[in-house]
Amino acid sequence: MQKCIEGLMWGKNLNYDYLLWIYNIAINLGLKGITFFRNDGSIKVVAEGDEKSLLFFMKKLKRGRFFFPVFSPVENFSIKWCTAKNDFEDFSISETGE
């Protein structure tokens, strides 16, 4: 059964490389969804897939892209589970946001 998560990340120096990192993890896990910058500079992630992959994805996003979390630019992270709508064909990075 497909599940969905919506996540928000805030922090200093979040840049396009961070979106690429999120994208690569999602693709490797076979997730579908989207990530983009919001107007306030935070990053939004919507991902759909099996629960096990989504849980692993969440752990990676919470820890950040660096081996030592203390070096991560992510200062705040929130996530909520939602109903999968199966609106996505793959995982993508959007230039336009919501």
PDB file of N, CA and C in Angstrom:
ATOM      1  N   MET A   1       0.831  -1.184   0.000  1.00  0.00           N
ATOM      2  CA  MET A   1       0.000   0.000   0.000  1.00  0.00           C
ATOM      3  C   MET A   1       0.875   1.247   0.000  1.00  0.00           C
ATOM      4  N   GLN A   2       0.589   2.165  -0.886  1.00  0.00           N
ATOM      5  CA  GLN A   2       1.351   3.395  -1.010  1.00  0.00           C
ATOM      6  C   GLN A   2       0.986   4.374   0.103  1.00  0.00           C
ATOM      7  N   LYS A   3       2.002   5.036   0.627  1.00  0.00           N
ATOM      8  CA  LYS A   3       1.832   6.061   1.650  1.00  0.00           C
ATOM      9  C   LYS A   3       2.468   7.343   1.132  1.00  0.00           C
ATOM     10  N   CYS A   4       2.282   8.415   1.885  1.00  0.00           N
ATOM     11  CA  CYS A   4       2.787   9.716   1.472  1.00  0.00           C
ATOM     12  C   CYS A   4       3.327  10.471   2.677  1.00  0.00           C
ATOM     13  N   ILE A   5       4.387  11.233   2.456  1.00  0.00           N
ATOM     14  CA  ILE A   5       4.874  12.163   3.471  1.00  0.00           C
ATOM     15  C   ILE A   5       5.032  13.539   2.840  1.00  0.00           C
ATOM     16  N   GLU A   6       4.832  14.559   3.671  1.00  0.00           N
ATOM     17  CA  GLU A   6       5.121  15.941   3.297  1.00  0.00           C
ATOM     18  C   GLU A   6       6.098  16.464   4.332  1.00  0.00           C
ATOM     19  N   GLY A   7       7.230  16.939   3.864  1.00  0.00           N
ATOM     20  CA  GLY A   7       8.242  17.445   4.774  1.00  0.00           C
ATOM     21  C   GLY A   7       8.627  18.869   4.460  1.00  0.00           C
ATOM     22  N   LEU A   8       9.030  19.598   5.484  1.00  0.00           N
ATOM     23  CA  LEU A   8       9.548  20.961   5.346  1.00  0.00           C
ATOM     24  C   LEU A   8      10.886  21.040   6.052  1.00  0.00           C
ATOM     25  N   MET A   9      11.855  21.684   5.406  1.00  0.00           N
ATOM     26  CA  MET A   9      13.189  21.854   5.967  1.00  0.00           C
ATOM     27  C   MET A   9      13.533  23.336   5.946  1.00  0.00           C
ATOM     28  N   TRP A  10      14.061  23.812   7.081  1.00  0.00           N
ATOM     29  CA  TRP A  10      14.532  25.190   7.168  1.00  0.00           C
ATOM     30  C   TRP A  10      15.987  25.152   7.573  1.00  0.00           C
ATOM     31  N   GLY A  11      16.730  26.152   7.137  1.00  0.00           N
ATOM     32  CA  GLY A  11      18.114  26.245   7.565  1.00  0.00           C
ATOM     33  C   GLY A  11      18.887  27.256   6.753  1.00  0.00           C
ATOM     34  N   LYS A  12      20.123  27.457   7.158  1.00  0.00           N
ATOM     35  CA  LYS A  12      21.016  28.372   6.456  1.00  0.00           C
ATOM     36  C   LYS A  12      21.716  27.630   5.327  1.00  0.00           C
ATOM     37  N   ASN A  13      21.927  28.312   4.244  1.00  0.00           N
ATOM     38  CA  ASN A  13      22.692  27.783   3.113  1.00  0.00           C
ATOM     39  C   ASN A  13      22.060  26.570   2.437  1.00  0.00           C
ATOM     40  N   LEU A  14      20.746  26.441   2.500  1.00  0.00           N
ATOM     41  CA  LEU A  14      20.089  25.397   1.708  1.00  0.00           C
ATOM     42  C   LEU A  14      20.107  25.880   0.268  1.00  0.00           C
ATOM     43  N   ASN A  15      20.666  25.080  -0.618  1.00  0.00           N
ATOM     44  CA  ASN A  15      20.814  25.507  -2.003  1.00  0.00           C
ATOM     45  C   ASN A  15      20.353  24.404  -2.950  1.00  0.00           C
ATOM     46  N   TYR A  16      20.554  24.647  -4.240  1.00  0.00           N
ATOM     47  CA  TYR A  16      20.093  23.695  -5.249  1.00  0.00           C
ATOM     48  C   TYR A  16      20.769  22.332  -5.086  1.00  0.00           C
ATOM     49  N   ASP A  17      22.003  22.305  -4.623  1.00  0.00           N
ATOM     50  CA  ASP A  17      22.681  21.024  -4.370  1.00  0.00           C
ATOM     51  C   ASP A  17      21.908  20.186  -3.351  1.00  0.00           C
ATOM     52  N   TYR A  18      21.279  20.862  -2.404  1.00  0.00           N
ATOM     53  CA  TYR A  18      20.486  20.138  -1.411  1.00  0.00           C
ATOM     54  C   TYR A  18      19.272  19.496  -2.066  1.00  0.00           C
ATOM     55  N   LEU A  19      18.646  20.212  -3.005  1.00  0.00           N
ATOM     56  CA  LEU A  19      17.527  19.623  -3.745  1.00  0.00           C
ATOM     57  C   LEU A  19      17.986  18.404  -4.546  1.00  0.00           C
ATOM     58  N   LEU A  20      19.159  18.499  -5.146  1.00  0.00           N
ATOM     59  CA  LEU A  20      19.702  17.360  -5.899  1.00  0.00           C
ATOM     60  C   LEU A  20      19.968  16.164  -4.989  1.00  0.00           C
ATOM     61  N   TRP A  21      20.465  16.422  -3.798  1.00  0.00           N
ATOM     62  CA  TRP A  21      20.703  15.347  -2.828  1.00  0.00           C
ATOM     63  C   TRP A  21      19.394  14.647  -2.469  1.00  0.00           C
ATOM     64  N   ILE A  22      18.348  15.438  -2.202  1.00  0.00           N
ATOM     65  CA  ILE A  22      17.029  14.882  -1.886  1.00  0.00           C
ATOM     66  C   ILE A  22      16.520  14.059  -3.069  1.00  0.00           C
ATOM     67  N   TYR A  23      16.644  14.613  -4.258  1.00  0.00           N
ATOM     68  CA  TYR A  23      16.206  13.942  -5.486  1.00  0.00           C
ATOM     69  C   TYR A  23      16.899  12.587  -5.641  1.00  0.00           C
ATOM     70  N   ASN A  24      18.208  12.563  -5.478  1.00  0.00           N
ATOM     71  CA  ASN A  24      18.968  11.318  -5.663  1.00  0.00           C
ATOM     72  C   ASN A  24      18.563  10.239  -4.673  1.00  0.00           C
ATOM     73  N   ILE A  25      18.328  10.623  -3.428  1.00  0.00           N
ATOM     74  CA  ILE A  25      17.882   9.637  -2.444  1.00  0.00           C
ATOM     75  C   ILE A  25      16.519   9.085  -2.845  1.00  0.00           C
ATOM     76  N   ALA A  26      15.602   9.982  -3.210  1.00  0.00           N
ATOM     77  CA  ALA A  26      14.249   9.558  -3.593  1.00  0.00           C
ATOM     78  C   ALA A  26      14.283   8.608  -4.788  1.00  0.00           C
ATOM     79  N   ILE A  27      15.075   8.945  -5.793  1.00  0.00           N
ATOM     80  CA  ILE A  27      15.180   8.088  -6.991  1.00  0.00           C
ATOM     81  C   ILE A  27      15.738   6.717  -6.614  1.00  0.00           C
ATOM     82  N   ASN A  28      16.782   6.696  -5.791  1.00  0.00           N
ATOM     83  CA  ASN A  28      17.391   5.423  -5.378  1.00  0.00           C
ATOM     84  C   ASN A  28      16.430   4.551  -4.583  1.00  0.00           C
ATOM     85  N   LEU A  29      15.482   5.176  -3.884  1.00  0.00           N
ATOM     86  CA  LEU A  29      14.499   4.421  -3.103  1.00  0.00           C
ATOM     87  C   LEU A  29      13.240   4.093  -3.907  1.00  0.00           C
ATOM     88  N   GLY A  30      13.166   4.571  -5.139  1.00  0.00           N
ATOM     89  CA  GLY A  30      11.993   4.301  -5.973  1.00  0.00           C
ATOM     90  C   GLY A  30      10.772   5.111  -5.578  1.00  0.00           C
ATOM     91  N   LEU A  31      10.995   6.269  -4.943  1.00  0.00           N
ATOM     92  CA  LEU A  31       9.877   7.110  -4.527  1.00  0.00           C
ATOM     93  C   LEU A  31       9.414   8.009  -5.670  1.00  0.00           C
ATOM     94  N   LYS A  32       8.183   8.434  -5.575  1.00  0.00           N
ATOM     95  CA  LYS A  32       7.623   9.388  -6.531  1.00  0.00           C
ATOM     96  C   LYS A  32       7.238  10.632  -5.751  1.00  0.00           C
ATOM     97  N   GLY A  33       7.364  11.787  -6.377  1.00  0.00           N
ATOM     98  CA  GLY A  33       6.995  13.015  -5.692  1.00  0.00           C
ATOM     99  C   GLY A  33       7.698  14.219  -6.264  1.00  0.00           C
ATOM    100  N   ILE A  34       7.922  15.202  -5.395  1.00  0.00           N
ATOM    101  CA  ILE A  34       8.488  16.481  -5.836  1.00  0.00           C
ATOM    102  C   ILE A  34       9.197  17.157  -4.674  1.00  0.00           C
ATOM    103  N   THR A  35      10.186  17.964  -4.985  1.00  0.00           N
ATOM    104  CA  THR A  35      10.835  18.821  -4.005  1.00  0.00           C
ATOM    105  C   THR A  35      11.074  20.172  -4.638  1.00  0.00           C
ATOM    106  N   PHE A  36      11.030  21.221  -3.820  1.00  0.00           N
ATOM    107  CA  PHE A  36      11.209  22.577  -4.335  1.00  0.00           C
ATOM    108  C   PHE A  36      11.433  23.553  -3.196  1.00  0.00           C
ATOM    109  N   PHE A  37      11.946  24.744  -3.569  1.00  0.00           N
ATOM    110  CA  PHE A  37      12.071  25.837  -2.605  1.00  0.00           C
ATOM    111  C   PHE A  37      10.755  26.573  -2.510  1.00  0.00           C
ATOM    112  N   ARG A  38      10.375  26.884  -1.288  1.00  0.00           N
ATOM    113  CA  ARG A  38       9.211  27.747  -1.069  1.00  0.00           C
ATOM    114  C   ARG A  38       9.689  29.196  -1.060  1.00  0.00           C
ATOM    115  N   ASN A  39       8.758  30.112  -1.103  1.00  0.00           N
ATOM    116  CA  ASN A  39       9.104  31.542  -1.148  1.00  0.00           C
ATOM    117  C   ASN A  39       9.924  32.002   0.045  1.00  0.00           C
ATOM    118  N   ASP A  40       9.771  31.349   1.192  1.00  0.00           N
ATOM    119  CA  ASP A  40      10.511  31.745   2.395  1.00  0.00           C
ATOM    120  C   ASP A  40      11.910  31.128   2.472  1.00  0.00           C
ATOM    121  N   GLY A  41      12.315  30.375   1.429  1.00  0.00           N
ATOM    122  CA  GLY A  41      13.639  29.760   1.398  1.00  0.00           C
ATOM    123  C   GLY A  41      13.692  28.355   1.965  1.00  0.00           C
ATOM    124  N   SER A  42      12.604  27.893   2.555  1.00  0.00           N
ATOM    125  CA  SER A  42      12.570  26.518   3.056  1.00  0.00           C
ATOM    126  C   SER A  42      12.383  25.558   1.882  1.00  0.00           C
ATOM    127  N   ILE A  43      12.623  24.298   2.138  1.00  0.00           N
ATOM    128  CA  ILE A  43      12.450  23.258   1.124  1.00  0.00           C
ATOM    129  C   ILE A  43      11.245  22.418   1.491  1.00  0.00           C
ATOM    130  N   LYS A  44      10.396  22.179   0.510  1.00  0.00           N
ATOM    131  CA  LYS A  44       9.258  21.275   0.711  1.00  0.00           C
ATOM    132  C   LYS A  44       9.520  19.996  -0.078  1.00  0.00           C
ATOM    133  N   VAL A  45       9.153  18.885   0.529  1.00  0.00           N
ATOM    134  CA  VAL A  45       9.287  17.575  -0.095  1.00  0.00           C
ATOM    135  C   VAL A  45       7.951  16.851   0.033  1.00  0.00           C
ATOM    136  N   VAL A  46       7.452  16.343  -1.071  1.00  0.00           N
ATOM    137  CA  VAL A  46       6.285  15.460  -1.062  1.00  0.00           C
ATOM    138  C   VAL A  46       6.749  14.165  -1.707  1.00  0.00           C
ATOM    139  N   ALA A  47       6.598  13.060  -0.988  1.00  0.00           N
ATOM    140  CA  ALA A  47       7.066  11.776  -1.509  1.00  0.00           C
ATOM    141  C   ALA A  47       6.033  10.691  -1.256  1.00  0.00           C
ATOM    142  N   GLU A  48       5.870   9.832  -2.258  1.00  0.00           N
ATOM    143  CA  GLU A  48       4.959   8.694  -2.147  1.00  0.00           C
ATOM    144  C   GLU A  48       5.726   7.414  -2.420  1.00  0.00           C
ATOM    145  N   GLY A  49       5.370   6.367  -1.684  1.00  0.00           N
ATOM    146  CA  GLY A  49       6.008   5.073  -1.871  1.00  0.00           C
ATOM    147  C   GLY A  49       5.608   4.136  -0.747  1.00  0.00           C
ATOM    148  N   ASP A  50       6.349   3.030  -0.638  1.00  0.00           N
ATOM    149  CA  ASP A  50       6.035   2.087   0.431  1.00  0.00           C
ATOM    150  C   ASP A  50       6.559   2.637   1.758  1.00  0.00           C
ATOM    151  N   GLU A  51       5.934   2.218   2.843  1.00  0.00           N
ATOM    152  CA  GLU A  51       6.232   2.771   4.161  1.00  0.00           C
ATOM    153  C   GLU A  51       7.697   2.605   4.554  1.00  0.00           C
ATOM    154  N   LYS A  52       8.284   1.458   4.277  1.00  0.00           N
ATOM    155  CA  LYS A  52       9.673   1.190   4.646  1.00  0.00           C
ATOM    156  C   LYS A  52      10.618   2.188   3.965  1.00  0.00           C
ATOM    157  N   SER A  53      10.409   2.427   2.678  1.00  0.00           N
ATOM    158  CA  SER A  53      11.253   3.378   1.947  1.00  0.00           C
ATOM    159  C   SER A  53      11.051   4.798   2.455  1.00  0.00           C
ATOM    160  N   LEU A  54       9.808   5.156   2.753  1.00  0.00           N
ATOM    161  CA  LEU A  54       9.530   6.500   3.259  1.00  0.00           C
ATOM    162  C   LEU A  54      10.159   6.722   4.635  1.00  0.00           C
ATOM    163  N   LEU A  55      10.142   5.708   5.491  1.00  0.00           N
ATOM    164  CA  LEU A  55      10.768   5.823   6.807  1.00  0.00           C
ATOM    165  C   LEU A  55      12.275   6.031   6.672  1.00  0.00           C
ATOM    166  N   PHE A  56      12.909   5.292   5.779  1.00  0.00           N
ATOM    167  CA  PHE A  56      14.340   5.451   5.537  1.00  0.00           C
ATOM    168  C   PHE A  56      14.629   6.843   4.977  1.00  0.00           C
ATOM    169  N   PHE A  57      13.804   7.294   4.031  1.00  0.00           N
ATOM    170  CA  PHE A  57      13.924   8.621   3.424  1.00  0.00           C
ATOM    171  C   PHE A  57      13.842   9.708   4.502  1.00  0.00           C
ATOM    172  N   MET A  58      12.868   9.592   5.392  1.00  0.00           N
ATOM    173  CA  MET A  58      12.704  10.563   6.479  1.00  0.00           C
ATOM    174  C   MET A  58      13.947  10.622   7.355  1.00  0.00           C
ATOM    175  N   LYS A  59      14.497   9.461   7.693  1.00  0.00           N
ATOM    176  CA  LYS A  59      15.691   9.433   8.539  1.00  0.00           C
ATOM    177  C   LYS A  59      16.860  10.153   7.872  1.00  0.00           C
ATOM    178  N   LYS A  60      17.014   9.933   6.565  1.00  0.00           N
ATOM    179  CA  LYS A  60      18.083  10.601   5.818  1.00  0.00           C
ATOM    180  C   LYS A  60      17.863  12.111   5.813  1.00  0.00           C
ATOM    181  N   LEU A  61      16.638  12.544   5.575  1.00  0.00           N
ATOM    182  CA  LEU A  61      16.352  13.976   5.522  1.00  0.00           C
ATOM    183  C   LEU A  61      16.567  14.628   6.888  1.00  0.00           C
ATOM    184  N   LYS A  62      16.166  13.953   7.953  1.00  0.00           N
ATOM    185  CA  LYS A  62      16.344  14.497   9.298  1.00  0.00           C
ATOM    186  C   LYS A  62      17.824  14.640   9.646  1.00  0.00           C
ATOM    187  N   ARG A  63      18.620  13.659   9.254  1.00  0.00           N
ATOM    188  CA  ARG A  63      20.045  13.674   9.579  1.00  0.00           C
ATOM    189  C   ARG A  63      20.787  14.715   8.757  1.00  0.00           C
ATOM    190  N   GLY A  64      20.341  14.941   7.542  1.00  0.00           N
ATOM    191  CA  GLY A  64      21.024  15.884   6.666  1.00  0.00           C
ATOM    192  C   GLY A  64      21.998  15.180   5.752  1.00  0.00           C
ATOM    193  N   ARG A  65      22.569  15.938   4.851  1.00  0.00           N
ATOM    194  CA  ARG A  65      23.384  15.315   3.812  1.00  0.00           C
ATOM    195  C   ARG A  65      24.825  15.069   4.223  1.00  0.00           C
ATOM    196  N   PHE A  66      25.203  15.524   5.378  1.00  0.00           N
ATOM    197  CA  PHE A  66      26.565  15.315   5.845  1.00  0.00           C
ATOM    198  C   PHE A  66      26.606  14.196   6.873  1.00  0.00           C
ATOM    199  N   PHE A  67      27.723  13.513   6.948  1.00  0.00           N
ATOM    200  CA  PHE A  67      27.850  12.376   7.851  1.00  0.00           C
ATOM    201  C   PHE A  67      27.628  12.801   9.302  1.00  0.00           C
ATOM    202  N   PHE A  68      28.148  13.964   9.646  1.00  0.00           N
ATOM    203  CA  PHE A  68      27.971  14.473  11.007  1.00  0.00           C
ATOM    204  C   PHE A  68      26.872  15.526  10.996  1.00  0.00           C
ATOM    205  N   PRO A  69      25.739  15.269  11.655  1.00  0.00           N
ATOM    206  CA  PRO A  69      24.615  16.205  11.634  1.00  0.00           C
ATOM    207  C   PRO A  69      24.962  17.620  12.074  1.00  0.00           C
ATOM    208  N   VAL A  70      26.018  17.764  12.882  1.00  0.00           N
ATOM    209  CA  VAL A  70      26.399  19.091  13.348  1.00  0.00           C
ATOM    210  C   VAL A  70      26.790  19.997  12.180  1.00  0.00           C
ATOM    211  N   PHE A  71      27.212  19.422  11.054  1.00  0.00           N
ATOM    212  CA  PHE A  71      27.599  20.201   9.874  1.00  0.00           C
ATOM    213  C   PHE A  71      26.439  20.456   8.920  1.00  0.00           C
ATOM    214  N   SER A  72      25.286  19.913   9.205  1.00  0.00           N
ATOM    215  CA  SER A  72      24.132  20.053   8.329  1.00  0.00           C
ATOM    216  C   SER A  72      23.570  21.465   8.388  1.00  0.00           C
ATOM    217  N   PRO A  73      23.195  22.036   7.217  1.00  0.00           N
ATOM    218  CA  PRO A  73      22.562  23.352   7.229  1.00  0.00           C
ATOM    219  C   PRO A  73      21.100  23.303   7.674  1.00  0.00           C
ATOM    220  N   VAL A  74      20.539  22.101   7.836  1.00  0.00           N
ATOM    221  CA  VAL A  74      19.145  21.971   8.247  1.00  0.00           C
ATOM    222  C   VAL A  74      19.037  22.272   9.739  1.00  0.00           C
ATOM    223  N   GLU A  75      18.269  23.298  10.057  1.00  0.00           N
ATOM    224  CA  GLU A  75      18.085  23.692  11.451  1.00  0.00           C
ATOM    225  C   GLU A  75      16.761  23.194  12.010  1.00  0.00           C
ATOM    226  N   ASN A  76      15.800  22.989  11.133  1.00  0.00           N
ATOM    227  CA  ASN A  76      14.471  22.568  11.557  1.00  0.00           C
ATOM    228  C   ASN A  76      13.885  21.664  10.489  1.00  0.00           C
ATOM    229  N   PHE A  77      13.177  20.655  10.925  1.00  0.00           N
ATOM    230  CA  PHE A  77      12.599  19.691   9.995  1.00  0.00           C
ATOM    231  C   PHE A  77      11.258  19.239  10.546  1.00  0.00           C
ATOM    232  N   SER A  78      10.242  19.289   9.711  1.00  0.00           N
ATOM    233  CA  SER A  78       8.936  18.770  10.138  1.00  0.00           C
ATOM    234  C   SER A  78       8.398  17.840   9.064  1.00  0.00           C
ATOM    235  N   ILE A  79       7.630  16.888   9.497  1.00  0.00           N
ATOM    236  CA  ILE A  79       7.077  15.910   8.556  1.00  0.00           C
ATOM    237  C   ILE A  79       5.685  15.517   8.990  1.00  0.00           C
ATOM    238  N   LYS A  80       4.846  15.244   8.015  1.00  0.00           N
ATOM    239  CA  LYS A  80       3.520  14.704   8.328  1.00  0.00           C
ATOM    240  C   LYS A  80       3.186  13.636   7.302  1.00  0.00           C
ATOM    241  N   TRP A  81       2.464  12.650   7.777  1.00  0.00           N
ATOM    242  CA  TRP A  81       1.984  11.586   6.901  1.00  0.00           C
ATOM    243  C   TRP A  81       0.688  12.064   6.256  1.00  0.00           C
ATOM    244  N   CYS A  82       0.498  11.702   5.015  1.00  0.00           N
ATOM    245  CA  CYS A  82      -0.715  12.092   4.303  1.00  0.00           C
ATOM    246  C   CYS A  82      -1.175  10.926   3.430  1.00  0.00           C
ATOM    247  N   THR A  83      -2.311  11.076   2.826  1.00  0.00           N
ATOM    248  CA  THR A  83      -2.859  10.037   1.950  1.00  0.00           C
ATOM    249  C   THR A  83      -2.215  10.139   0.577  1.00  0.00           C
ATOM    250  N   ALA A  84      -1.708   9.029   0.078  1.00  0.00           N
ATOM    251  CA  ALA A  84      -1.115   9.018  -1.261  1.00  0.00           C
ATOM    252  C   ALA A  84      -2.198   9.248  -2.305  1.00  0.00           C
ATOM    253  N   LYS A  85      -1.924  10.187  -3.212  1.00  0.00           N
ATOM    254  CA  LYS A  85      -2.880  10.505  -4.272  1.00  0.00           C
ATOM    255  C   LYS A  85      -2.471   9.903  -5.607  1.00  0.00           C
ATOM    256  N   ASN A  86      -1.266   9.357  -5.662  1.00  0.00           N
ATOM    257  CA  ASN A  86      -0.728   8.771  -6.895  1.00  0.00           C
ATOM    258  C   ASN A  86      -0.753   9.772  -8.049  1.00  0.00           C
ATOM    259  N   ASP A  87      -0.412  11.030  -7.743  1.00  0.00           N
ATOM    260  CA  ASP A  87      -0.378  12.089  -8.749  1.00  0.00           C
ATOM    261  C   ASP A  87       0.956  12.164  -9.487  1.00  0.00           C
ATOM    262  N   PHE A  88       1.955  11.448  -9.014  1.00  0.00           N
ATOM    263  CA  PHE A  88       3.309  11.598  -9.559  1.00  0.00           C
ATOM    264  C   PHE A  88       3.711  10.383 -10.385  1.00  0.00           C
ATOM    265  N   GLU A  89       4.379  10.653 -11.509  1.00  0.00           N
ATOM    266  CA  GLU A  89       4.907   9.569 -12.353  1.00  0.00           C
ATOM    267  C   GLU A  89       6.326   9.206 -11.949  1.00  0.00           C
ATOM    268  N   ASP A  90       7.034  10.173 -11.356  1.00  0.00           N
ATOM    269  CA  ASP A  90       8.411   9.972 -10.917  1.00  0.00           C
ATOM    270  C   ASP A  90       8.707  10.987  -9.819  1.00  0.00           C
ATOM    271  N   PHE A  91       9.971  11.150  -9.475  1.00  0.00           N
ATOM    272  CA  PHE A  91      10.354  12.169  -8.508  1.00  0.00           C
ATOM    273  C   PHE A  91      11.025  13.291  -9.273  1.00  0.00           C
ATOM    274  N   SER A  92      10.696  14.540  -8.933  1.00  0.00           N
ATOM    275  CA  SER A  92      11.244  15.658  -9.687  1.00  0.00           C
ATOM    276  C   SER A  92      11.589  16.839  -8.772  1.00  0.00           C
ATOM    277  N   ILE A  93      12.367  17.744  -9.338  1.00  0.00           N
ATOM    278  CA  ILE A  93      12.671  19.027  -8.714  1.00  0.00           C
ATOM    279  C   ILE A  93      11.900  20.068  -9.492  1.00  0.00           C
ATOM    280  N   SER A  94      11.172  20.896  -8.777  1.00  0.00           N
ATOM    281  CA  SER A  94      10.383  21.933  -9.445  1.00  0.00           C
ATOM    282  C   SER A  94      11.047  23.288  -9.255  1.00  0.00           C
ATOM    283  N   GLU A  95      11.044  24.074 -10.308  1.00  0.00           N
ATOM    284  CA  GLU A  95      11.575  25.431 -10.246  1.00  0.00           C
ATOM    285  C   GLU A  95      10.536  26.404  -9.724  1.00  0.00           C
ATOM    286  N   THR A  96       9.270  26.052  -9.856  1.00  0.00           N
ATOM    287  CA  THR A  96       8.206  27.009  -9.567  1.00  0.00           C
ATOM    288  C   THR A  96       7.592  26.853  -8.189  1.00  0.00           C
ATOM    289  N   GLY A  97       7.800  25.749  -7.517  1.00  0.00           N
ATOM    290  CA  GLY A  97       7.197  25.548  -6.202  1.00  0.00           C
ATOM    291  C   GLY A  97       5.761  25.099  -6.305  1.00  0.00           C
ATOM    292  N   GLU A  98       4.972  25.517  -5.323  1.00  0.00           N
ATOM    293  CA  GLU A  98       3.591  25.038  -5.235  1.00  0.00           C
ATOM    294  C   GLU A  98       2.706  25.669  -6.283  1.00  0.00           C
TER     295      GLU A  98
END
